[in-house]
């Protein structure tokens, strides 16, 4: 057991994790050092806030996505409800519009529905059938129209939403009404 520290490090103390050695696990020790005044803290907080804001700019809220999908007539499209589409977006990308994932076969999955470059879009990097006749980068657009149109094409073909393995594993045949909780489409 490590002894509990009575106080957190003060102005002239710094907490340091020492790396494990032959004698045992890492230890938390306090080192005394004179440190400059903490003028950089507000600057650091501002920088971190900006980075978080930039990172979250690619996320869309569940209810905002529901509104867009409803406006694009996806509720009931090929027999799938908005809750199916919301569940798909969550399990594939965590509602991240700009998510790109590399697959072991060298293809890439793009956007909120993680549409694969081998079959559906052109990434100019790998062999593609480009069945949606779209550049993969367009599937990362915040207006979502390109990815919605491509997803409609996928769902209209053989297999429907079963084309997405994660939808089959996590959404198919399950009660999904909670995905619309608190969302108002009007």
N, C-alpha and C. Protein backbone atom coordinates (compact mmCIF):
# COMPACT_ATOMS: atom_id res chain seq x y z
N UNK A 1 0.83 -1.18 0.00
CA UNK A 1 0.00 0.00 0.00
C UNK A 1 0.87 1.24 0.00
N UNK A 2 0.40 2.25 -0.72
CA UNK A 2 1.09 3.52 -0.73
C UNK A 2 0.53 4.38 0.39
N UNK A 3 1.39 5.11 1.10
CA UNK A 3 0.87 6.00 2.14
C UNK A 3 0.08 7.12 1.50
N UNK A 4 -0.99 7.53 2.16
CA UNK A 4 -1.82 8.63 1.66
C UNK A 4 -1.09 9.94 1.88
N UNK A 5 -1.21 10.83 0.93
CA UNK A 5 -0.59 12.14 1.07
C UNK A 5 -1.55 13.05 1.82
N UNK A 6 -1.01 13.75 2.79
CA UNK A 6 -1.85 14.64 3.59
C UNK A 6 -2.31 15.83 2.78
N UNK A 7 -1.45 16.34 1.96
CA UNK A 7 -1.77 17.52 1.16
C UNK A 7 -1.41 17.24 -0.29
N UNK A 8 -2.04 17.96 -1.17
CA UNK A 8 -1.62 17.89 -2.56
C UNK A 8 -0.37 18.75 -2.69
N UNK A 9 0.40 18.57 -3.76
CA UNK A 9 1.63 19.35 -3.90
C UNK A 9 1.35 20.84 -3.85
N UNK A 10 2.19 21.55 -3.15
CA UNK A 10 2.03 23.00 -3.02
C UNK A 10 2.77 23.72 -4.13
N UNK A 11 2.91 25.04 -3.96
CA UNK A 11 3.56 25.86 -4.98
C UNK A 11 4.97 25.38 -5.28
N UNK A 12 5.69 24.92 -4.23
CA UNK A 12 7.08 24.54 -4.45
C UNK A 12 7.27 23.02 -4.45
N UNK A 13 6.21 22.26 -4.61
CA UNK A 13 6.30 20.81 -4.65
C UNK A 13 5.74 20.32 -5.97
N UNK A 14 6.25 19.19 -6.39
CA UNK A 14 5.78 18.59 -7.63
C UNK A 14 5.63 17.10 -7.40
N UNK A 15 4.47 16.54 -7.76
CA UNK A 15 4.26 15.10 -7.64
C UNK A 15 4.88 14.43 -8.85
N UNK A 16 5.63 13.38 -8.63
CA UNK A 16 6.31 12.67 -9.71
C UNK A 16 6.12 11.18 -9.52
N UNK A 17 5.75 10.49 -10.58
CA UNK A 17 5.72 9.03 -10.55
C UNK A 17 7.11 8.55 -10.91
N UNK A 18 7.68 7.74 -10.04
CA UNK A 18 8.97 7.14 -10.36
C UNK A 18 8.69 5.82 -11.05
N UNK A 19 9.50 5.50 -12.03
CA UNK A 19 9.28 4.28 -12.79
C UNK A 19 9.60 3.06 -11.95
N UNK A 20 8.94 1.94 -12.25
CA UNK A 20 9.18 0.73 -11.48
C UNK A 20 10.60 0.23 -11.70
N UNK A 21 11.15 -0.34 -10.70
CA UNK A 21 12.49 -0.90 -10.79
C UNK A 21 12.49 -2.32 -10.28
N UNK A 22 13.66 -2.89 -10.11
CA UNK A 22 13.73 -4.27 -9.64
C UNK A 22 13.17 -4.43 -8.23
N UNK A 23 13.12 -3.34 -7.47
CA UNK A 23 12.65 -3.42 -6.09
C UNK A 23 11.14 -3.44 -5.96
N UNK A 24 10.40 -3.03 -7.00
CA UNK A 24 8.95 -3.04 -6.86
C UNK A 24 8.25 -2.06 -7.77
N UNK A 25 6.98 -1.77 -7.46
CA UNK A 25 6.15 -0.92 -8.32
C UNK A 25 6.55 0.55 -8.24
N UNK A 26 5.95 1.32 -9.14
CA UNK A 26 6.21 2.76 -9.16
C UNK A 26 5.71 3.41 -7.88
N UNK A 27 6.40 4.45 -7.47
CA UNK A 27 6.03 5.16 -6.26
C UNK A 27 5.74 6.61 -6.60
N UNK A 28 4.78 7.18 -5.89
CA UNK A 28 4.48 8.60 -6.03
C UNK A 28 5.30 9.33 -4.99
N UNK A 29 6.18 10.22 -5.43
CA UNK A 29 7.01 10.96 -4.50
C UNK A 29 6.83 12.45 -4.76
N UNK A 30 7.15 13.23 -3.77
CA UNK A 30 7.10 14.68 -3.89
C UNK A 30 8.52 15.21 -3.96
N UNK A 31 8.77 16.05 -4.94
CA UNK A 31 10.07 16.69 -5.06
C UNK A 31 9.89 18.18 -4.84
N UNK A 32 10.76 18.76 -4.05
CA UNK A 32 10.72 20.19 -3.84
C UNK A 32 11.55 20.87 -4.92
N UNK A 33 10.99 21.88 -5.48
CA UNK A 33 11.69 22.66 -6.50
C UNK A 33 11.08 24.04 -6.54
N UNK A 34 11.91 25.03 -6.87
CA UNK A 34 11.30 26.34 -7.02
C UNK A 34 10.71 26.38 -8.42
N UNK A 35 9.49 26.78 -8.47
CA UNK A 35 8.81 26.84 -9.76
C UNK A 35 8.40 28.26 -10.04
N UNK A 36 8.35 28.61 -11.31
CA UNK A 36 7.93 29.97 -11.65
C UNK A 36 6.45 30.16 -11.34
N UNK A 37 6.01 31.38 -11.21
CA UNK A 37 4.59 31.61 -10.97
C UNK A 37 3.76 30.95 -12.08
N UNK A 38 2.57 30.55 -11.77
CA UNK A 38 1.74 29.79 -12.70
C UNK A 38 0.96 30.71 -13.63
N UNK A 39 1.66 31.49 -14.40
CA UNK A 39 1.04 32.40 -15.35
C UNK A 39 0.53 31.66 -16.58
N UNK A 40 1.09 30.48 -16.85
CA UNK A 40 0.71 29.76 -18.07
C UNK A 40 -0.58 28.96 -17.89
N UNK A 41 -1.06 28.82 -16.69
CA UNK A 41 -2.28 28.03 -16.47
C UNK A 41 -3.47 28.54 -17.27
N UNK A 42 -3.78 29.84 -17.25
CA UNK A 42 -4.92 30.31 -18.07
C UNK A 42 -4.70 30.05 -19.56
N UNK A 43 -3.46 30.21 -20.02
CA UNK A 43 -3.15 29.96 -21.42
C UNK A 43 -3.34 28.48 -21.75
N UNK A 44 -2.86 27.62 -20.88
CA UNK A 44 -3.00 26.18 -21.09
C UNK A 44 -4.48 25.76 -21.09
N UNK A 45 -5.25 26.31 -20.17
CA UNK A 45 -6.68 26.00 -20.10
C UNK A 45 -7.38 26.45 -21.38
N UNK A 46 -7.02 27.64 -21.89
CA UNK A 46 -7.61 28.14 -23.13
C UNK A 46 -7.26 27.24 -24.30
N UNK A 47 -6.01 26.82 -24.37
CA UNK A 47 -5.58 25.94 -25.46
C UNK A 47 -6.31 24.61 -25.41
N UNK A 48 -6.41 24.00 -24.25
CA UNK A 48 -7.11 22.74 -24.11
C UNK A 48 -8.58 22.91 -24.47
N UNK A 49 -9.20 24.00 -24.06
CA UNK A 49 -10.60 24.27 -24.39
C UNK A 49 -10.80 24.35 -25.90
N UNK A 50 -9.87 25.00 -26.58
CA UNK A 50 -9.97 25.10 -28.04
C UNK A 50 -9.84 23.74 -28.69
N UNK A 51 -8.91 22.93 -28.21
CA UNK A 51 -8.75 21.59 -28.77
C UNK A 51 -9.98 20.74 -28.56
N UNK A 52 -10.59 20.82 -27.39
CA UNK A 52 -11.81 20.07 -27.12
C UNK A 52 -12.93 20.56 -28.04
N UNK A 53 -13.05 21.86 -28.22
CA UNK A 53 -14.09 22.42 -29.09
C UNK A 53 -13.89 21.97 -30.52
N UNK A 54 -12.64 21.95 -31.01
CA UNK A 54 -12.37 21.50 -32.37
C UNK A 54 -12.72 20.03 -32.49
N UNK A 55 -12.35 19.21 -31.51
CA UNK A 55 -12.64 17.79 -31.56
C UNK A 55 -14.15 17.54 -31.55
N UNK A 56 -14.90 18.29 -30.76
CA UNK A 56 -16.33 18.07 -30.67
C UNK A 56 -17.08 18.66 -31.84
N UNK A 57 -16.41 19.47 -32.66
CA UNK A 57 -17.08 20.05 -33.82
C UNK A 57 -17.50 18.98 -34.81
N UNK A 58 -16.87 17.81 -34.78
CA UNK A 58 -17.21 16.74 -35.70
C UNK A 58 -18.32 15.83 -35.16
N UNK A 59 -18.78 16.08 -33.96
CA UNK A 59 -19.85 15.29 -33.36
C UNK A 59 -21.20 15.96 -33.61
N UNK A 60 -22.22 15.13 -33.80
CA UNK A 60 -23.57 15.66 -33.93
C UNK A 60 -24.40 15.05 -32.82
N UNK A 61 -25.26 15.84 -32.22
CA UNK A 61 -26.11 15.35 -31.15
C UNK A 61 -27.14 14.35 -31.68
N UNK A 62 -27.52 13.44 -30.85
CA UNK A 62 -28.48 12.39 -31.20
C UNK A 62 -29.77 12.97 -31.75
N UNK A 63 -30.35 13.93 -31.05
CA UNK A 63 -31.62 14.52 -31.50
C UNK A 63 -31.45 15.37 -32.75
N UNK A 64 -30.30 16.05 -32.88
CA UNK A 64 -30.04 16.81 -34.10
C UNK A 64 -29.94 15.87 -35.29
N UNK A 65 -29.28 14.74 -35.09
CA UNK A 65 -29.20 13.75 -36.16
C UNK A 65 -30.58 13.21 -36.50
N UNK A 66 -31.38 12.95 -35.49
CA UNK A 66 -32.75 12.45 -35.72
C UNK A 66 -33.53 13.42 -36.60
N UNK A 67 -33.38 14.72 -36.34
CA UNK A 67 -34.09 15.74 -37.14
C UNK A 67 -33.64 15.70 -38.59
N UNK A 68 -32.34 15.61 -38.81
CA UNK A 68 -31.81 15.58 -40.17
C UNK A 68 -32.29 14.32 -40.89
N UNK A 69 -32.21 13.18 -40.23
CA UNK A 69 -32.64 11.93 -40.84
C UNK A 69 -34.14 11.95 -41.15
N UNK A 70 -34.92 12.55 -40.26
CA UNK A 70 -36.36 12.69 -40.48
C UNK A 70 -36.64 13.58 -41.70
N UNK A 71 -35.92 14.70 -41.79
CA UNK A 71 -36.09 15.61 -42.92
C UNK A 71 -35.72 14.95 -44.24
N UNK A 72 -34.78 14.01 -44.20
CA UNK A 72 -34.35 13.32 -45.42
C UNK A 72 -35.14 12.03 -45.65
N UNK A 73 -36.29 11.91 -44.97
CA UNK A 73 -37.23 10.79 -45.17
C UNK A 73 -36.65 9.41 -44.89
N UNK A 74 -35.82 9.30 -43.87
CA UNK A 74 -35.27 8.00 -43.51
C UNK A 74 -36.16 7.23 -42.54
N UNK A 75 -37.12 7.90 -41.90
CA UNK A 75 -38.02 7.20 -40.98
C UNK A 75 -38.94 6.30 -41.80
N UNK A 76 -38.74 5.00 -41.70
CA UNK A 76 -39.52 4.04 -42.47
C UNK A 76 -38.89 3.66 -43.80
N UNK A 77 -37.78 4.28 -44.16
CA UNK A 77 -37.12 3.97 -45.43
C UNK A 77 -36.69 2.51 -45.45
N UNK A 78 -37.18 1.78 -46.44
CA UNK A 78 -36.90 0.34 -46.59
C UNK A 78 -37.24 -0.45 -45.32
N UNK A 79 -38.19 0.07 -44.54
CA UNK A 79 -38.65 -0.63 -43.35
C UNK A 79 -37.86 -0.35 -42.08
N UNK A 80 -36.92 0.59 -42.14
CA UNK A 80 -36.10 0.91 -40.97
C UNK A 80 -36.54 2.23 -40.36
N UNK A 81 -36.64 2.25 -39.04
CA UNK A 81 -37.09 3.44 -38.31
C UNK A 81 -35.92 4.37 -38.03
N UNK A 82 -36.25 5.57 -37.58
CA UNK A 82 -35.20 6.50 -37.16
C UNK A 82 -34.34 5.90 -36.06
N UNK A 83 -34.96 5.10 -35.21
CA UNK A 83 -34.18 4.50 -34.11
C UNK A 83 -33.13 3.53 -34.64
N UNK A 84 -33.45 2.83 -35.74
CA UNK A 84 -32.44 1.97 -36.36
C UNK A 84 -31.26 2.80 -36.86
N UNK A 85 -31.58 3.92 -37.52
CA UNK A 85 -30.53 4.79 -38.05
C UNK A 85 -29.69 5.40 -36.93
N UNK A 86 -30.34 5.82 -35.86
CA UNK A 86 -29.61 6.40 -34.73
C UNK A 86 -28.70 5.37 -34.08
N UNK A 87 -29.23 4.17 -33.89
CA UNK A 87 -28.42 3.10 -33.32
C UNK A 87 -27.23 2.80 -34.22
N UNK A 88 -27.46 2.75 -35.53
CA UNK A 88 -26.37 2.51 -36.49
C UNK A 88 -25.29 3.59 -36.36
N UNK A 89 -25.70 4.85 -36.34
CA UNK A 89 -24.74 5.95 -36.23
C UNK A 89 -23.94 5.87 -34.94
N UNK A 90 -24.60 5.47 -33.86
CA UNK A 90 -23.91 5.37 -32.58
C UNK A 90 -22.91 4.22 -32.57
N UNK A 91 -23.34 3.03 -32.98
CA UNK A 91 -22.44 1.88 -32.89
C UNK A 91 -21.31 1.96 -33.90
N UNK A 92 -21.53 2.64 -35.00
CA UNK A 92 -20.48 2.75 -36.01
C UNK A 92 -19.49 3.89 -35.72
N UNK A 93 -19.99 5.04 -35.26
CA UNK A 93 -19.09 6.20 -35.17
C UNK A 93 -19.22 7.01 -33.89
N UNK A 94 -20.10 6.63 -32.97
CA UNK A 94 -20.37 7.46 -31.79
C UNK A 94 -20.82 8.86 -32.19
N UNK A 95 -21.59 8.95 -33.28
CA UNK A 95 -22.11 10.21 -33.82
C UNK A 95 -21.01 11.15 -34.31
N UNK A 96 -19.88 10.58 -34.71
CA UNK A 96 -18.75 11.37 -35.21
C UNK A 96 -18.85 11.45 -36.74
N UNK A 97 -19.14 12.63 -37.24
CA UNK A 97 -19.34 12.85 -38.67
C UNK A 97 -18.05 12.62 -39.46
N UNK A 98 -16.91 12.90 -38.87
CA UNK A 98 -15.65 12.85 -39.61
C UNK A 98 -14.79 11.63 -39.27
N UNK A 99 -15.38 10.61 -38.69
CA UNK A 99 -14.60 9.42 -38.34
C UNK A 99 -14.15 8.69 -39.59
N UNK A 100 -12.88 8.31 -39.61
CA UNK A 100 -12.31 7.47 -40.66
C UNK A 100 -11.59 6.33 -39.97
N UNK A 101 -11.84 5.12 -40.44
CA UNK A 101 -11.25 3.94 -39.83
C UNK A 101 -10.61 3.08 -40.92
N UNK A 102 -9.36 2.69 -40.70
CA UNK A 102 -8.67 1.82 -41.66
C UNK A 102 -8.95 0.37 -41.31
N UNK A 103 -9.27 -0.43 -42.32
CA UNK A 103 -9.54 -1.85 -42.14
C UNK A 103 -8.31 -2.68 -42.49
N UNK A 104 -8.29 -3.92 -42.06
CA UNK A 104 -7.14 -4.78 -42.30
C UNK A 104 -6.91 -5.07 -43.78
N UNK A 105 -7.94 -4.96 -44.61
CA UNK A 105 -7.78 -5.21 -46.05
C UNK A 105 -7.29 -3.99 -46.82
N UNK A 106 -7.01 -2.88 -46.12
CA UNK A 106 -6.51 -1.68 -46.76
C UNK A 106 -7.60 -0.70 -47.15
N UNK A 107 -8.85 -1.10 -47.01
CA UNK A 107 -9.95 -0.18 -47.29
C UNK A 107 -10.19 0.70 -46.06
N UNK A 108 -11.03 1.73 -46.24
CA UNK A 108 -11.33 2.64 -45.15
C UNK A 108 -12.84 2.76 -45.00
N UNK A 109 -13.30 3.03 -43.77
CA UNK A 109 -14.70 3.32 -43.49
C UNK A 109 -14.80 4.80 -43.18
N UNK A 110 -15.84 5.45 -43.75
CA UNK A 110 -15.95 6.91 -43.68
C UNK A 110 -17.25 7.37 -43.05
N UNK A 111 -17.16 8.39 -42.22
CA UNK A 111 -18.30 9.14 -41.75
C UNK A 111 -19.14 8.50 -40.67
N UNK A 112 -20.27 9.12 -40.44
CA UNK A 112 -21.14 8.75 -39.33
C UNK A 112 -21.68 7.33 -39.43
N UNK A 113 -21.83 6.82 -40.69
CA UNK A 113 -22.30 5.45 -40.88
C UNK A 113 -21.16 4.50 -41.26
N UNK A 114 -19.92 5.01 -41.29
CA UNK A 114 -18.74 4.21 -41.59
C UNK A 114 -18.92 3.41 -42.89
N UNK A 115 -19.07 4.14 -43.97
CA UNK A 115 -19.27 3.56 -45.29
C UNK A 115 -17.91 3.17 -45.89
N UNK A 116 -17.83 1.95 -46.39
CA UNK A 116 -16.57 1.35 -46.82
C UNK A 116 -16.14 1.81 -48.22
N UNK A 117 -14.86 2.13 -48.34
CA UNK A 117 -14.31 2.62 -49.60
C UNK A 117 -14.18 1.52 -50.66
N UNK A 118 -14.08 0.29 -50.26
CA UNK A 118 -13.92 -0.78 -51.25
C UNK A 118 -15.15 -0.89 -52.15
N UNK A 119 -16.32 -0.73 -51.55
CA UNK A 119 -17.55 -0.92 -52.32
C UNK A 119 -18.26 0.38 -52.68
N UNK A 120 -18.24 1.37 -51.82
CA UNK A 120 -19.22 2.44 -51.92
C UNK A 120 -18.70 3.80 -52.33
N UNK A 121 -17.44 4.12 -52.10
CA UNK A 121 -16.94 5.46 -52.43
C UNK A 121 -15.51 5.36 -52.94
N UNK A 122 -15.04 6.43 -53.56
CA UNK A 122 -13.70 6.44 -54.12
C UNK A 122 -12.77 7.21 -53.20
N UNK A 123 -11.78 6.51 -52.67
CA UNK A 123 -10.79 7.16 -51.80
C UNK A 123 -9.47 7.44 -52.53
N UNK A 124 -9.38 7.06 -53.80
CA UNK A 124 -8.20 7.27 -54.63
C UNK A 124 -6.96 6.61 -54.04
N UNK A 125 -7.15 5.62 -53.15
CA UNK A 125 -6.01 4.93 -52.54
C UNK A 125 -6.07 3.43 -52.79
N UNK A 126 -7.26 2.89 -52.86
CA UNK A 126 -7.40 1.45 -52.98
C UNK A 126 -8.39 1.14 -54.10
N UNK A 127 -8.45 -0.12 -54.48
CA UNK A 127 -9.44 -0.53 -55.49
C UNK A 127 -10.84 -0.25 -54.94
N UNK A 128 -11.69 0.29 -55.77
CA UNK A 128 -13.04 0.60 -55.32
C UNK A 128 -14.05 0.32 -56.42
N UNK A 129 -15.22 -0.12 -56.02
CA UNK A 129 -16.32 -0.26 -56.95
C UNK A 129 -17.11 1.04 -57.05
N UNK A 130 -17.01 1.89 -56.04
CA UNK A 130 -17.64 3.21 -55.99
C UNK A 130 -19.12 3.16 -56.37
N UNK A 131 -19.86 2.26 -55.76
CA UNK A 131 -21.28 2.09 -56.07
C UNK A 131 -22.13 3.32 -55.78
N UNK A 132 -21.68 4.19 -54.89
CA UNK A 132 -22.43 5.43 -54.60
C UNK A 132 -22.00 6.58 -55.51
N UNK A 133 -20.97 6.35 -56.33
CA UNK A 133 -20.48 7.40 -57.24
C UNK A 133 -20.18 8.69 -56.48
N UNK A 134 -19.35 8.57 -55.43
CA UNK A 134 -19.02 9.72 -54.59
C UNK A 134 -17.59 9.58 -54.10
N UNK A 135 -16.91 10.71 -53.93
CA UNK A 135 -15.61 10.72 -53.28
C UNK A 135 -15.81 10.44 -51.80
N UNK A 136 -14.97 9.61 -51.23
CA UNK A 136 -15.11 9.26 -49.81
C UNK A 136 -15.05 10.50 -48.91
N UNK A 137 -14.25 11.50 -49.29
CA UNK A 137 -14.15 12.71 -48.47
C UNK A 137 -15.49 13.43 -48.36
N UNK A 138 -16.35 13.30 -49.37
CA UNK A 138 -17.67 13.93 -49.32
C UNK A 138 -18.54 13.30 -48.23
N UNK A 139 -18.22 12.06 -47.84
CA UNK A 139 -19.00 11.38 -46.79
C UNK A 139 -18.68 11.93 -45.40
N UNK A 140 -17.74 12.85 -45.33
CA UNK A 140 -17.35 13.46 -44.05
C UNK A 140 -17.92 14.87 -43.90
N UNK A 141 -18.76 15.29 -44.82
CA UNK A 141 -19.32 16.64 -44.82
C UNK A 141 -20.33 16.81 -43.70
N UNK A 142 -20.32 17.96 -43.03
CA UNK A 142 -21.28 18.21 -41.97
C UNK A 142 -22.73 18.33 -42.45
N UNK A 143 -22.97 18.53 -43.76
CA UNK A 143 -24.37 18.61 -44.19
C UNK A 143 -25.01 17.24 -44.35
N UNK A 144 -24.24 16.18 -44.32
CA UNK A 144 -24.70 14.78 -44.27
C UNK A 144 -25.44 14.28 -45.51
N UNK A 145 -25.70 15.12 -46.49
CA UNK A 145 -26.48 14.69 -47.63
C UNK A 145 -25.81 13.56 -48.42
N UNK A 146 -24.52 13.67 -48.67
CA UNK A 146 -23.82 12.63 -49.44
C UNK A 146 -23.85 11.29 -48.71
N UNK A 147 -23.62 11.30 -47.41
CA UNK A 147 -23.59 10.04 -46.67
C UNK A 147 -25.00 9.45 -46.53
N UNK A 148 -26.01 10.30 -46.40
CA UNK A 148 -27.38 9.81 -46.32
C UNK A 148 -27.78 9.16 -47.64
N UNK A 149 -27.46 9.82 -48.76
CA UNK A 149 -27.80 9.24 -50.07
C UNK A 149 -27.10 7.92 -50.31
N UNK A 150 -25.85 7.82 -49.90
CA UNK A 150 -25.11 6.58 -50.05
C UNK A 150 -25.69 5.49 -49.13
N UNK A 151 -26.02 5.85 -47.90
CA UNK A 151 -26.62 4.89 -46.97
C UNK A 151 -27.96 4.38 -47.51
N UNK A 152 -28.74 5.26 -48.14
CA UNK A 152 -30.00 4.83 -48.74
C UNK A 152 -29.75 3.79 -49.83
N UNK A 153 -28.71 4.02 -50.62
CA UNK A 153 -28.37 3.07 -51.69
C UNK A 153 -27.98 1.72 -51.09
N UNK A 154 -27.19 1.73 -50.03
CA UNK A 154 -26.76 0.50 -49.37
C UNK A 154 -27.96 -0.26 -48.83
N UNK A 155 -28.84 0.45 -48.11
CA UNK A 155 -30.00 -0.18 -47.48
C UNK A 155 -31.00 -0.68 -48.53
N UNK A 156 -31.05 -0.04 -49.67
CA UNK A 156 -31.97 -0.46 -50.73
C UNK A 156 -31.53 -1.75 -51.40
N UNK A 157 -30.28 -2.11 -51.25
CA UNK A 157 -29.76 -3.33 -51.88
C UNK A 157 -29.98 -4.55 -51.00
N UNK A 158 -29.42 -5.65 -51.46
CA UNK A 158 -29.52 -6.92 -50.74
C UNK A 158 -28.93 -6.78 -49.33
N UNK A 159 -29.65 -7.27 -48.35
CA UNK A 159 -29.17 -7.26 -46.98
C UNK A 159 -29.63 -6.08 -46.15
N UNK A 160 -30.01 -4.97 -46.76
CA UNK A 160 -30.46 -3.81 -46.01
C UNK A 160 -29.42 -3.36 -44.99
N UNK A 161 -29.87 -3.11 -43.77
CA UNK A 161 -28.95 -2.68 -42.72
C UNK A 161 -28.06 -3.82 -42.22
N UNK A 162 -28.37 -5.02 -42.61
CA UNK A 162 -27.52 -6.15 -42.22
C UNK A 162 -26.14 -6.05 -42.86
N UNK A 163 -25.99 -5.14 -43.82
CA UNK A 163 -24.67 -4.90 -44.41
C UNK A 163 -23.69 -4.35 -43.38
N UNK A 164 -24.21 -3.75 -42.31
CA UNK A 164 -23.35 -3.25 -41.24
C UNK A 164 -23.31 -4.29 -40.12
N UNK A 165 -22.16 -4.87 -39.91
CA UNK A 165 -21.99 -5.92 -38.88
C UNK A 165 -22.36 -5.39 -37.50
N UNK A 166 -21.93 -4.18 -37.18
CA UNK A 166 -22.23 -3.64 -35.84
C UNK A 166 -23.73 -3.43 -35.64
N UNK A 167 -24.45 -3.07 -36.70
CA UNK A 167 -25.91 -2.94 -36.57
C UNK A 167 -26.52 -4.31 -36.28
N UNK A 168 -26.07 -5.34 -36.99
CA UNK A 168 -26.57 -6.70 -36.74
C UNK A 168 -26.32 -7.14 -35.31
N UNK A 169 -25.13 -6.83 -34.81
CA UNK A 169 -24.75 -7.28 -33.46
C UNK A 169 -25.41 -6.49 -32.34
N UNK A 170 -25.60 -5.19 -32.55
CA UNK A 170 -26.01 -4.32 -31.44
C UNK A 170 -27.40 -3.70 -31.56
N UNK A 171 -27.99 -3.73 -32.75
CA UNK A 171 -29.26 -3.02 -32.96
C UNK A 171 -30.39 -3.94 -33.44
N UNK A 172 -30.08 -4.85 -34.32
CA UNK A 172 -31.11 -5.68 -34.95
C UNK A 172 -31.90 -6.47 -33.92
N UNK A 173 -33.23 -6.41 -34.05
CA UNK A 173 -34.10 -7.20 -33.19
C UNK A 173 -34.17 -6.75 -31.74
N UNK A 174 -33.64 -5.60 -31.43
CA UNK A 174 -33.66 -5.09 -30.05
C UNK A 174 -34.62 -3.92 -29.95
N UNK A 175 -35.18 -3.70 -28.77
CA UNK A 175 -36.01 -2.49 -28.60
C UNK A 175 -35.10 -1.26 -28.68
N UNK A 176 -35.46 -0.32 -29.53
CA UNK A 176 -34.60 0.83 -29.77
C UNK A 176 -35.28 2.16 -29.52
N UNK A 177 -36.48 2.14 -28.98
CA UNK A 177 -37.25 3.39 -28.84
C UNK A 177 -36.53 4.42 -27.97
N UNK A 178 -35.68 4.00 -27.07
CA UNK A 178 -34.97 4.93 -26.19
C UNK A 178 -34.06 5.88 -26.98
N UNK A 179 -33.71 5.53 -28.21
CA UNK A 179 -32.85 6.40 -29.02
C UNK A 179 -33.55 7.73 -29.32
N UNK A 180 -34.88 7.75 -29.29
CA UNK A 180 -35.63 8.97 -29.58
C UNK A 180 -36.07 9.73 -28.32
N UNK A 181 -35.72 9.22 -27.15
CA UNK A 181 -36.13 9.84 -25.90
C UNK A 181 -35.67 11.30 -25.86
N UNK A 182 -36.62 12.19 -25.64
CA UNK A 182 -36.32 13.62 -25.52
C UNK A 182 -36.14 14.34 -26.84
N UNK A 183 -36.26 13.64 -27.95
CA UNK A 183 -36.09 14.28 -29.26
C UNK A 183 -37.44 14.73 -29.79
N UNK A 184 -37.49 15.96 -30.24
CA UNK A 184 -38.71 16.52 -30.83
C UNK A 184 -38.40 16.86 -32.28
N UNK A 185 -39.11 16.23 -33.20
CA UNK A 185 -38.78 16.37 -34.61
C UNK A 185 -39.38 17.60 -35.26
N UNK A 186 -40.34 18.24 -34.64
CA UNK A 186 -40.98 19.42 -35.24
C UNK A 186 -40.13 20.65 -35.18
